[in-house]
Amino acid sequence: MLGILQNNEAKAAFKGMKAANHSMCVLVPFRDRFEELMEFVPHMNKFLLKQNIVHELIVINQLDKFRFNRASLINVGFLETRHNCDYIAMHDVDLLPLNEELRYDFPENGPYHLAAPHLHPLYHYKTFVGGILLLRSKDFEKLNGLSNKYWGWGREDDEFFVRMKKAKLKLSRPGNLTSGIKTFKHIHDKKKRRRDYDKFFDQREKTKRLDKQTGLHSLNYKVDSIRHLTVDTAPVTILNIYLECDVDFTPWCLQAEDHGWYENHLREKREQLQQQTDPLANKHI
């Protein structure tokens, strides 16, 4: 795997801090959200420096033609940075913490869900663990990361909740915050960027249960490039990556315009299978 070293700006920012026992990688799954990223990077860097959190902001940018896969991007980010940090923050790019009582400290007691249902501006069901979730690296590895089956928007965090529950990891959340749903700033413009909620083929059926097949150890991807940038002097690392998809396993990774190609692909497979079982099927006698 490709190691990512803190750039000079990051090292300078941390200079003078008391010796830190822990380092956090903030893993941000990303595609086509430039304006949000420009606001996210300086805000998060400033917020975390105030808490003396040694951190790296890692944006995992999906370049391929498939539908967005938040879970797989977080898996990639972990695999590429796990030697740098002993804990991670799975962090949406459009969710900015406002209340300084929100702590990004090392989650000593297990997974810590900062964007709790009673604080998140949009999602309030009790099993919600999306938005911002802190985990020790050893716990993320123990869980085999997130499922890679979730192409399109949503549900991957619900499956991850089940993974944590099955592994008997204790989930905790912030309490006693009076800011409520004003704890975070949500900067996503749904008119400009509609979420991809579409469900294709047998996607609903195949993704409604615990995934025991996929995760960190079954992930296929390619790193195209790594870029170390600054936004208003705040350092950020961009991982440009291509995900791979087995269309016979999760055909819903395809964009709608590629479904015609997939139908032809299935037809050709059926014809090949027929030829193998009955060589005389297409021969004229």
C-alpha atoms as a PDB file:
ATOM      1  CA  MET A   1       0.000   0.000   0.000  1.00  0.00           C
ATOM      2  CA  LEU A   2       1.059   3.602  -0.514  1.00  0.00           C
ATOM      3  CA  GLY A   3       2.039   5.332   2.709  1.00  0.00           C
ATOM      4  CA  ILE A   4       0.986   8.973   3.116  1.00  0.00           C
ATOM      5  CA  LEU A   5       3.312  11.257   5.024  1.00  0.00           C
ATOM      6  CA  GLN A   6       2.135  14.464   6.629  1.00  0.00           C
ATOM      7  CA  ASN A   7       3.132  17.379   4.422  1.00  0.00           C
ATOM      8  CA  ASN A   8       5.205  20.274   5.734  1.00  0.00           C
ATOM      9  CA  GLU A   9       2.185  22.433   6.474  1.00  0.00           C
ATOM     10  CA  ALA A  10       0.669  19.730   8.675  1.00  0.00           C
ATOM     11  CA  LYS A  11       3.905  19.215  10.573  1.00  0.00           C
ATOM     12  CA  ALA A  12       4.241  22.953  11.120  1.00  0.00           C
ATOM     13  CA  ALA A  13       0.668  23.164  12.397  1.00  0.00           C
ATOM     14  CA  PHE A  14       1.343  20.467  14.993  1.00  0.00           C
ATOM     15  CA  LYS A  15       4.716  21.885  16.049  1.00  0.00           C
ATOM     16  CA  GLY A  16       4.677  23.047  19.610  1.00  0.00           C
ATOM     17  CA  MET A  17       1.829  20.760  20.676  1.00  0.00           C
ATOM     18  CA  LYS A  18       2.355  18.571  23.676  1.00  0.00           C
ATOM     19  CA  ALA A  19       3.418  15.048  22.726  1.00  0.00           C
ATOM     20  CA  ALA A  20       0.406  13.209  21.356  1.00  0.00           C
ATOM     21  CA  ASN A  21      -0.252   9.569  22.074  1.00  0.00           C
ATOM     22  CA  HIS A  22      -2.745   9.219  19.234  1.00  0.00           C
ATOM     23  CA  SER A  23      -3.184  10.333  15.646  1.00  0.00           C
ATOM     24  CA  MET A  24      -6.460  10.481  13.720  1.00  0.00           C
ATOM     25  CA  CYS A  25      -7.051  10.035  10.006  1.00  0.00           C
ATOM     26  CA  VAL A  26     -10.197  11.847   8.903  1.00  0.00           C
ATOM     27  CA  LEU A  27     -11.469   9.769   5.970  1.00  0.00           C
ATOM     28  CA  VAL A  28     -13.725  11.746   3.625  1.00  0.00           C
ATOM     29  CA  PRO A  29     -15.421   9.876   0.747  1.00  0.00           C
ATOM     30  CA  PHE A  30     -15.752  12.277  -2.162  1.00  0.00           C
ATOM     31  CA  ARG A  31     -16.952  12.907  -5.689  1.00  0.00           C
ATOM     32  CA  ASP A  32     -17.804  16.203  -7.438  1.00  0.00           C
ATOM     33  CA  ARG A  33     -18.268  18.272  -4.263  1.00  0.00           C
ATOM     34  CA  PHE A  34     -15.610  20.949  -4.823  1.00  0.00           C
ATOM     35  CA  GLU A  35     -17.404  23.866  -3.154  1.00  0.00           C
ATOM     36  CA  GLU A  36     -18.143  21.802  -0.072  1.00  0.00           C
ATOM     37  CA  LEU A  37     -14.543  20.589   0.127  1.00  0.00           C
ATOM     38  CA  MET A  38     -13.244  24.174   0.010  1.00  0.00           C
ATOM     39  CA  GLU A  39     -15.298  24.957   3.113  1.00  0.00           C
ATOM     40  CA  PHE A  40     -14.708  21.635   4.862  1.00  0.00           C
ATOM     41  CA  VAL A  41     -10.896  21.557   4.851  1.00  0.00           C
ATOM     42  CA  PRO A  42     -10.089  24.866   6.594  1.00  0.00           C
ATOM     43  CA  HIS A  43     -13.035  24.503   8.984  1.00  0.00           C
ATOM     44  CA  MET A  44     -12.035  21.009  10.115  1.00  0.00           C
ATOM     45  CA  ASN A  45      -8.357  21.802  10.377  1.00  0.00           C
ATOM     46  CA  LYS A  46      -9.068  24.804  12.601  1.00  0.00           C
ATOM     47  CA  PHE A  47     -11.616  22.890  14.696  1.00  0.00           C
ATOM     48  CA  LEU A  48      -9.244  19.972  15.322  1.00  0.00           C
ATOM     49  CA  LEU A  49      -6.203  22.135  16.036  1.00  0.00           C
ATOM     50  CA  LYS A  50      -8.172  23.902  18.771  1.00  0.00           C
ATOM     51  CA  GLN A  51      -8.588  20.489  20.408  1.00  0.00           C
ATOM     52  CA  ASN A  52      -4.901  19.597  19.957  1.00  0.00           C
ATOM     53  CA  ILE A  53      -5.891  16.604  17.847  1.00  0.00           C
ATOM     54  CA  VAL A  54      -3.014  15.339  15.715  1.00  0.00           C
ATOM     55  CA  HIS A  55      -4.738  14.550  12.459  1.00  0.00           C
ATOM     56  CA  GLU A  56      -4.579  14.133   8.709  1.00  0.00           C
ATOM     57  CA  LEU A  57      -7.447  15.076   6.405  1.00  0.00           C
ATOM     58  CA  ILE A  58      -7.702  12.378   3.732  1.00  0.00           C
ATOM     59  CA  VAL A  59     -10.137  12.862   0.850  1.00  0.00           C
ATOM     60  CA  ILE A  60     -10.800   9.710  -1.180  1.00  0.00           C
ATOM     61  CA  ASN A  61     -11.908  10.886  -4.609  1.00  0.00           C
ATOM     62  CA  GLN A  62     -13.774   8.347  -6.779  1.00  0.00           C
ATOM     63  CA  LEU A  63     -12.726   8.683 -10.446  1.00  0.00           C
ATOM     64  CA  ASP A  64     -14.336   5.621 -12.016  1.00  0.00           C
ATOM     65  CA  LYS A  65     -17.600   5.452 -13.995  1.00  0.00           C
ATOM     66  CA  PHE A  66     -19.526   3.457 -11.404  1.00  0.00           C
ATOM     67  CA  ARG A  67     -22.097   4.792  -8.955  1.00  0.00           C
ATOM     68  CA  PHE A  68     -20.789   6.427  -5.791  1.00  0.00           C
ATOM     69  CA  ASN A  69     -19.701   3.954  -3.104  1.00  0.00           C
ATOM     70  CA  ARG A  70     -19.139   5.724   0.207  1.00  0.00           C
ATOM     71  CA  ALA A  71     -18.288   2.529   2.105  1.00  0.00           C
ATOM     72  CA  SER A  72     -15.661   1.296  -0.349  1.00  0.00           C
ATOM     73  CA  LEU A  73     -14.026   4.728  -0.419  1.00  0.00           C
ATOM     74  CA  ILE A  74     -13.692   4.700   3.365  1.00  0.00           C
ATOM     75  CA  ASN A  75     -12.212   1.191   3.134  1.00  0.00           C
ATOM     76  CA  VAL A  76      -9.663   2.483   0.610  1.00  0.00           C
ATOM     77  CA  GLY A  77      -8.785   5.417   2.846  1.00  0.00           C
ATOM     78  CA  PHE A  78      -8.196   3.100   5.780  1.00  0.00           C
ATOM     79  CA  LEU A  79      -6.009   0.673   3.839  1.00  0.00           C
ATOM     80  CA  GLU A  80      -3.878   3.508   2.463  1.00  0.00           C
ATOM     81  CA  THR A  81      -3.365   5.300   5.806  1.00  0.00           C
ATOM     82  CA  ARG A  82      -3.582   2.667   8.533  1.00  0.00           C
ATOM     83  CA  HIS A  83       0.141   2.922   9.314  1.00  0.00           C
ATOM     84  CA  ASN A  84      -0.204   6.667   9.934  1.00  0.00           C
ATOM     85  CA  CYS A  85      -3.049   6.731  12.456  1.00  0.00           C
ATOM     86  CA  ASP A  86      -4.360   4.607  15.303  1.00  0.00           C
ATOM     87  CA  TYR A  87      -7.933   5.825  14.893  1.00  0.00           C
ATOM     88  CA  ILE A  88     -10.161   7.144  12.151  1.00  0.00           C
ATOM     89  CA  ALA A  89     -13.089   9.474  11.660  1.00  0.00           C
ATOM     90  CA  MET A  90     -15.504   8.377   8.949  1.00  0.00           C
ATOM     91  CA  HIS A  91     -16.598  11.885   7.982  1.00  0.00           C
ATOM     92  CA  ASP A  92     -19.086  13.321   5.472  1.00  0.00           C
ATOM     93  CA  VAL A  93     -17.748  16.345   3.585  1.00  0.00           C
ATOM     94  CA  ASP A  94     -20.985  18.291   4.002  1.00  0.00           C
ATOM     95  CA  LEU A  95     -21.220  18.054   7.809  1.00  0.00           C
ATOM     96  CA  LEU A  96     -19.292  20.651   9.806  1.00  0.00           C
ATOM     97  CA  PRO A  97     -19.131  20.547  13.630  1.00  0.00           C
ATOM     98  CA  LEU A  98     -20.040  23.841  15.305  1.00  0.00           C
ATOM     99  CA  ASN A  99     -20.200  23.090  19.013  1.00  0.00           C
ATOM    100  CA  GLU A 100     -16.711  23.029  20.538  1.00  0.00           C
ATOM    101  CA  GLU A 101     -17.895  20.455  23.074  1.00  0.00           C
ATOM    102  CA  LEU A 102     -17.847  17.883  20.262  1.00  0.00           C
ATOM    103  CA  ARG A 103     -14.618  16.069  20.992  1.00  0.00           C
ATOM    104  CA  TYR A 104     -12.576  14.164  18.398  1.00  0.00           C
ATOM    105  CA  ASP A 105     -10.414  12.470  21.029  1.00  0.00           C
ATOM    106  CA  PHE A 106      -9.267   8.863  20.749  1.00  0.00           C
ATOM    107  CA  PRO A 107     -12.331   6.622  21.333  1.00  0.00           C
ATOM    108  CA  GLU A 108     -10.941   4.624  24.247  1.00  0.00           C
ATOM    109  CA  ASN A 109     -14.177   2.752  24.928  1.00  0.00           C
ATOM    110  CA  GLY A 110     -15.150   1.822  21.379  1.00  0.00           C
ATOM    111  CA  PRO A 111     -16.975   3.475  18.454  1.00  0.00           C
ATOM    112  CA  TYR A 112     -18.031   7.058  19.160  1.00  0.00           C
ATOM    113  CA  HIS A 113     -20.820   8.504  17.009  1.00  0.00           C
ATOM    114  CA  LEU A 114     -20.388  12.267  16.968  1.00  0.00           C
ATOM    115  CA  ALA A 115     -23.271  12.939  14.547  1.00  0.00           C
ATOM    116  CA  ALA A 116     -25.771  11.338  16.922  1.00  0.00           C
ATOM    117  CA  PRO A 117     -29.452  11.041  15.924  1.00  0.00           C
ATOM    118  CA  HIS A 118     -30.468  13.740  18.427  1.00  0.00           C
ATOM    119  CA  LEU A 119     -27.860  16.123  16.967  1.00  0.00           C
ATOM    120  CA  HIS A 120     -27.807  15.437  13.220  1.00  0.00           C
ATOM    121  CA  PRO A 121     -29.829  18.005  11.218  1.00  0.00           C
ATOM    122  CA  LEU A 122     -31.467  15.351   8.996  1.00  0.00           C
ATOM    123  CA  TYR A 123     -31.360  11.796  10.353  1.00  0.00           C
ATOM    124  CA  HIS A 124     -32.879  10.972  13.732  1.00  0.00           C
ATOM    125  CA  TYR A 125     -33.532   7.207  13.893  1.00  0.00           C
ATOM    126  CA  LYS A 126     -31.862   5.461  16.813  1.00  0.00           C
ATOM    127  CA  THR A 127     -29.688   3.051  14.794  1.00  0.00           C
ATOM    128  CA  PHE A 128     -28.221   5.831  12.622  1.00  0.00           C
ATOM    129  CA  VAL A 129     -24.397   5.852  12.719  1.00  0.00           C
ATOM    130  CA  GLY A 130     -23.617   7.907   9.602  1.00  0.00           C
ATOM    131  CA  GLY A 131     -22.257  11.422   9.238  1.00  0.00           C
ATOM    132  CA  ILE A 132     -19.293  11.277  11.632  1.00  0.00           C
ATOM    133  CA  LEU A 133     -18.144   8.119  13.414  1.00  0.00           C
ATOM    134  CA  LEU A 134     -14.858   7.664  15.293  1.00  0.00           C
ATOM    135  CA  LEU A 135     -13.299   4.208  15.596  1.00  0.00           C
ATOM    136  CA  ARG A 136     -10.041   2.739  16.737  1.00  0.00           C
ATOM    137  CA  SER A 137      -8.157   1.307  13.778  1.00  0.00           C
ATOM    138  CA  LYS A 138      -8.006  -2.105  15.434  1.00  0.00           C
ATOM    139  CA  ASP A 139     -11.818  -2.129  15.736  1.00  0.00           C
ATOM    140  CA  PHE A 140     -12.298  -1.156  12.097  1.00  0.00           C
ATOM    141  CA  GLU A 141      -9.989  -3.977  11.051  1.00  0.00           C
ATOM    142  CA  LYS A 142     -11.748  -6.401  13.375  1.00  0.00           C
ATOM    143  CA  LEU A 143     -15.044  -5.579  11.617  1.00  0.00           C
ATOM    144  CA  ASN A 144     -13.436  -6.097   8.180  1.00  0.00           C
ATOM    145  CA  GLY A 145     -14.342  -2.484   7.427  1.00  0.00           C
ATOM    146  CA  LEU A 146     -17.598  -1.655   5.691  1.00  0.00           C
ATOM    147  CA  SER A 147     -19.571  -3.658   3.155  1.00  0.00           C
ATOM    148  CA  ASN A 148     -18.645  -3.022  -0.499  1.00  0.00           C
ATOM    149  CA  LYS A 149     -22.144  -3.883  -1.768  1.00  0.00           C
ATOM    150  CA  TYR A 150     -23.661  -0.419  -1.365  1.00  0.00           C
ATOM    151  CA  TRP A 151     -23.479   1.472  -4.648  1.00  0.00           C
ATOM    152  CA  GLY A 152     -25.589   4.611  -4.766  1.00  0.00           C
ATOM    153  CA  TRP A 153     -26.658   6.551  -1.692  1.00  0.00           C
ATOM    154  CA  GLY A 154     -27.409   5.214   1.752  1.00  0.00           C
ATOM    155  CA  ARG A 155     -27.791   2.053   3.858  1.00  0.00           C
ATOM    156  CA  GLU A 156     -24.087   1.205   4.188  1.00  0.00           C
ATOM    157  CA  ASP A 157     -23.990   2.788   7.651  1.00  0.00           C
ATOM    158  CA  ASP A 158     -27.077   0.795   8.704  1.00  0.00           C
ATOM    159  CA  GLU A 159     -25.264  -2.413   7.769  1.00  0.00           C
ATOM    160  CA  PHE A 160     -22.207  -1.199   9.673  1.00  0.00           C
ATOM    161  CA  PHE A 161     -24.342  -0.687  12.786  1.00  0.00           C
ATOM    162  CA  VAL A 162     -25.242  -4.393  12.582  1.00  0.00           C
ATOM    163  CA  ARG A 163     -21.556  -5.318  12.181  1.00  0.00           C
ATOM    164  CA  MET A 164     -20.689  -3.407  15.343  1.00  0.00           C
ATOM    165  CA  LYS A 165     -23.589  -4.936  17.244  1.00  0.00           C
ATOM    166  CA  LYS A 166     -22.666  -8.488  16.178  1.00  0.00           C
ATOM    167  CA  ALA A 167     -19.068  -7.853  17.266  1.00  0.00           C
ATOM    168  CA  LYS A 168     -20.342  -6.599  20.643  1.00  0.00           C
ATOM    169  CA  LEU A 169     -18.640  -3.220  20.249  1.00  0.00           C
ATOM    170  CA  LYS A 170     -20.167  -0.642  22.548  1.00  0.00           C
ATOM    171  CA  LEU A 171     -21.394   2.447  20.686  1.00  0.00           C
ATOM    172  CA  SER A 172     -21.402   5.756  22.544  1.00  0.00           C
ATOM    173  CA  ARG A 173     -22.595   9.252  21.632  1.00  0.00           C
ATOM    174  CA  PRO A 174     -22.266  12.818  22.951  1.00  0.00           C
ATOM    175  CA  GLY A 175     -24.630  13.789  25.716  1.00  0.00           C
ATOM    176  CA  ASN A 176     -25.701  16.941  27.509  1.00  0.00           C
ATOM    177  CA  LEU A 177     -25.270  19.212  24.494  1.00  0.00           C
ATOM    178  CA  THR A 178     -27.797  22.035  24.459  1.00  0.00           C
ATOM    179  CA  SER A 179     -27.183  23.016  20.823  1.00  0.00           C
ATOM    180  CA  GLY A 180     -29.405  20.201  19.477  1.00  0.00           C
ATOM    181  CA  ILE A 181     -29.804  20.159  15.696  1.00  0.00           C
ATOM    182  CA  LYS A 182     -27.681  23.335  15.518  1.00  0.00           C
ATOM    183  CA  THR A 183     -24.668  21.318  16.637  1.00  0.00           C
ATOM    184  CA  PHE A 184     -23.639  20.903  12.986  1.00  0.00           C
ATOM    185  CA  LYS A 185     -23.747  22.934   9.809  1.00  0.00           C
ATOM    186  CA  HIS A 186     -25.039  20.926   6.862  1.00  0.00           C
ATOM    187  CA  ILE A 187     -23.747  22.442   3.619  1.00  0.00           C
ATOM    188  CA  HIS A 188     -25.132  20.063   1.001  1.00  0.00           C
ATOM    189  CA  ASP A 189     -27.233  21.712  -1.720  1.00  0.00           C
ATOM    190  CA  LYS A 190     -29.709  19.021  -2.746  1.00  0.00           C
ATOM    191  CA  LYS A 191     -30.946  21.107  -5.680  1.00  0.00           C
ATOM    192  CA  LYS A 192     -27.471  21.175  -7.242  1.00  0.00           C
ATOM    193  CA  ARG A 193     -26.519  17.605  -6.347  1.00  0.00           C
ATOM    194  CA  ARG A 194     -29.384  15.160  -6.051  1.00  0.00           C
ATOM    195  CA  ARG A 195     -28.584  12.104  -3.970  1.00  0.00           C
ATOM    196  CA  ASP A 196     -28.531   8.842  -5.925  1.00  0.00           C
ATOM    197  CA  TYR A 197     -31.280   6.950  -4.101  1.00  0.00           C
ATOM    198  CA  ASP A 198     -32.225   4.743  -7.078  1.00  0.00           C
ATOM    199  CA  LYS A 199     -32.436   0.985  -6.512  1.00  0.00           C
ATOM    200  CA  PHE A 200     -31.739  -1.247  -9.535  1.00  0.00           C
ATOM    201  CA  PHE A 201     -32.040  -4.969 -10.267  1.00  0.00           C
ATOM    202  CA  ASP A 202     -32.310  -6.961  -6.999  1.00  0.00           C
ATOM    203  CA  GLN A 203     -30.380  -4.353  -5.003  1.00  0.00           C
ATOM    204  CA  ARG A 204     -32.944  -4.007  -2.205  1.00  0.00           C
ATOM    205  CA  GLU A 205     -33.107  -7.754  -1.602  1.00  0.00           C
ATOM    206  CA  LYS A 206     -29.332  -8.287  -1.714  1.00  0.00           C
ATOM    207  CA  THR A 207     -28.440  -5.414   0.637  1.00  0.00           C
ATOM    208  CA  LYS A 208     -31.008  -5.682   3.415  1.00  0.00           C
ATOM    209  CA  ARG A 209     -29.070  -8.204   5.520  1.00  0.00           C
ATOM    210  CA  LEU A 210     -25.683  -8.394   7.182  1.00  0.00           C
ATOM    211  CA  ASP A 211     -22.992  -8.741   4.511  1.00  0.00           C
ATOM    212  CA  LYS A 212     -20.661 -11.596   5.460  1.00  0.00           C
ATOM    213  CA  GLN A 213     -18.889 -11.610   2.090  1.00  0.00           C
ATOM    214  CA  THR A 214     -17.315  -8.225   1.489  1.00  0.00           C
ATOM    215  CA  GLY A 215     -15.201  -5.679   3.316  1.00  0.00           C
ATOM    216  CA  LEU A 216     -11.579  -4.604   3.633  1.00  0.00           C
ATOM    217  CA  HIS A 217     -10.219  -7.981   2.571  1.00  0.00           C
ATOM    218  CA  SER A 218     -12.270  -8.247  -0.624  1.00  0.00           C
ATOM    219  CA  LEU A 219     -11.794  -4.685  -1.904  1.00  0.00           C
ATOM    220  CA  ASN A 220     -10.423  -4.138  -5.411  1.00  0.00           C
ATOM    221  CA  TYR A 221      -9.232  -0.676  -6.393  1.00  0.00           C
ATOM    222  CA  LYS A 222      -6.424   1.264  -8.016  1.00  0.00           C
ATOM    223  CA  VAL A 223      -4.715   4.416  -6.762  1.00  0.00           C
ATOM    224  CA  ASP A 224      -4.374   6.798  -9.694  1.00  0.00           C
ATOM    225  CA  SER A 225      -2.510   9.582  -7.878  1.00  0.00           C
ATOM    226  CA  ILE A 226      -1.908  11.226  -4.518  1.00  0.00           C
ATOM    227  CA  ARG A 227      -1.937  15.008  -4.141  1.00  0.00           C
ATOM    228  CA  HIS A 228      -0.937  17.061  -1.087  1.00  0.00           C
ATOM    229  CA  LEU A 229      -2.768  20.392  -1.180  1.00  0.00           C
ATOM    230  CA  THR A 230      -3.604  23.318   1.042  1.00  0.00           C
ATOM    231  CA  VAL A 231      -6.886  25.205   1.243  1.00  0.00           C
ATOM    232  CA  ASP A 232      -6.466  28.586   2.949  1.00  0.00           C
ATOM    233  CA  THR A 233      -3.220  27.201   4.469  1.00  0.00           C
ATOM    234  CA  ALA A 234      -5.003  24.064   5.777  1.00  0.00           C
ATOM    235  CA  PRO A 235      -3.349  20.824   4.576  1.00  0.00           C
ATOM    236  CA  VAL A 236      -5.288  18.018   2.922  1.00  0.00           C
ATOM    237  CA  THR A 237      -4.297  14.847   1.067  1.00  0.00           C
ATOM    238  CA  ILE A 238      -6.319  13.787  -1.974  1.00  0.00           C
ATOM    239  CA  LEU A 239      -6.354  10.123  -2.943  1.00  0.00           C
ATOM    240  CA  ASN A 240      -7.594   9.803  -6.526  1.00  0.00           C
ATOM    241  CA  ILE A 241      -8.787   6.231  -6.950  1.00  0.00           C
ATOM    242  CA  TYR A 242     -10.646   3.864  -9.236  1.00  0.00           C
ATOM    243  CA  LEU A 243     -12.974   1.317  -7.680  1.00  0.00           C
ATOM    244  CA  GLU A 244     -13.601  -1.988  -9.423  1.00  0.00           C
ATOM    245  CA  CYS A 245     -16.978  -3.685  -9.660  1.00  0.00           C
ATOM    246  CA  ASP A 246     -17.929  -7.292 -10.386  1.00  0.00           C
ATOM    247  CA  VAL A 247     -21.107  -6.645 -12.393  1.00  0.00           C
ATOM    248  CA  ASP A 248     -22.187 -10.275 -11.992  1.00  0.00           C
ATOM    249  CA  PHE A 249     -22.103  -9.840  -8.203  1.00  0.00           C
ATOM    250  CA  THR A 250     -23.424  -6.263  -7.789  1.00  0.00           C
ATOM    251  CA  PRO A 251     -24.836  -5.124 -11.155  1.00  0.00           C
ATOM    252  CA  TRP A 252     -26.374  -2.092  -9.441  1.00  0.00           C
ATOM    253  CA  CYS A 253     -22.912  -0.507  -9.463  1.00  0.00           C
ATOM    254  CA  LEU A 254     -23.673   0.435 -13.078  1.00  0.00           C
ATOM    255  CA  GLN A 255     -25.098   3.789 -14.048  1.00  0.00           C
ATOM    256  CA  ALA A 256     -28.588   3.644 -15.590  1.00  0.00           C
ATOM    257  CA  GLU A 257     -27.212   4.348 -19.063  1.00  0.00           C
ATOM    258  CA  ASP A 258     -25.090   1.180 -18.856  1.00  0.00           C
ATOM    259  CA  HIS A 259     -27.988  -1.185 -18.169  1.00  0.00           C
ATOM    260  CA  GLY A 260     -28.377  -1.928 -21.879  1.00  0.00           C
ATOM    261  CA  TRP A 261     -24.785  -3.120 -21.992  1.00  0.00           C
ATOM    262  CA  TYR A 262     -25.467  -5.314 -18.959  1.00  0.00           C
ATOM    263  CA  GLU A 263     -28.502  -6.948 -20.579  1.00  0.00           C
ATOM    264  CA  ASN A 264     -26.353  -7.806 -23.622  1.00  0.00           C
ATOM    265  CA  HIS A 265     -23.693  -9.131 -21.254  1.00  0.00           C
ATOM    266  CA  LEU A 266     -26.245 -11.483 -19.644  1.00  0.00           C
ATOM    267  CA  ARG A 267     -27.542 -12.611 -23.026  1.00  0.00           C
ATOM    268  CA  GLU A 268     -24.025 -13.486 -24.188  1.00  0.00           C
ATOM    269  CA  LYS A 269     -23.378 -15.438 -20.975  1.00  0.00           C
ATOM    270  CA  ARG A 270     -26.588 -17.434 -21.447  1.00  0.00           C
ATOM    271  CA  GLU A 271     -25.652 -18.233 -25.037  1.00  0.00           C
ATOM    272  CA  GLN A 272     -22.168 -19.346 -23.974  1.00  0.00           C
ATOM    273  CA  LEU A 273     -23.645 -21.552 -21.260  1.00  0.00           C
ATOM    274  CA  GLN A 274     -26.073 -23.044 -23.741  1.00  0.00           C
ATOM    275  CA  GLN A 275     -23.215 -23.784 -26.141  1.00  0.00           C
ATOM    276  CA  GLN A 276     -21.295 -25.540 -23.370  1.00  0.00           C
ATOM    277  CA  THR A 277     -24.254 -27.724 -22.375  1.00  0.00           C
ATOM    278  CA  ASP A 278     -25.592 -28.335 -25.919  1.00  0.00           C
ATOM    279  CA  PRO A 279     -22.899 -27.858 -28.614  1.00  0.00           C
ATOM    280  CA  LEU A 280     -25.419 -28.597 -31.362  1.00  0.00           C
ATOM    281  CA  ALA A 281     -27.915 -25.989 -30.201  1.00  0.00           C
ATOM    282  CA  ASN A 282     -27.000 -23.386 -32.832  1.00  0.00           C
ATOM    283  CA  LYS A 283     -25.870 -25.712 -35.592  1.00  0.00           C
ATOM    284  CA  HIS A 284     -28.066 -26.441 -38.601  1.00  0.00           C
ATOM    285  CA  ILE A 285     -28.407 -30.140 -39.405  1.00  0.00           C
END
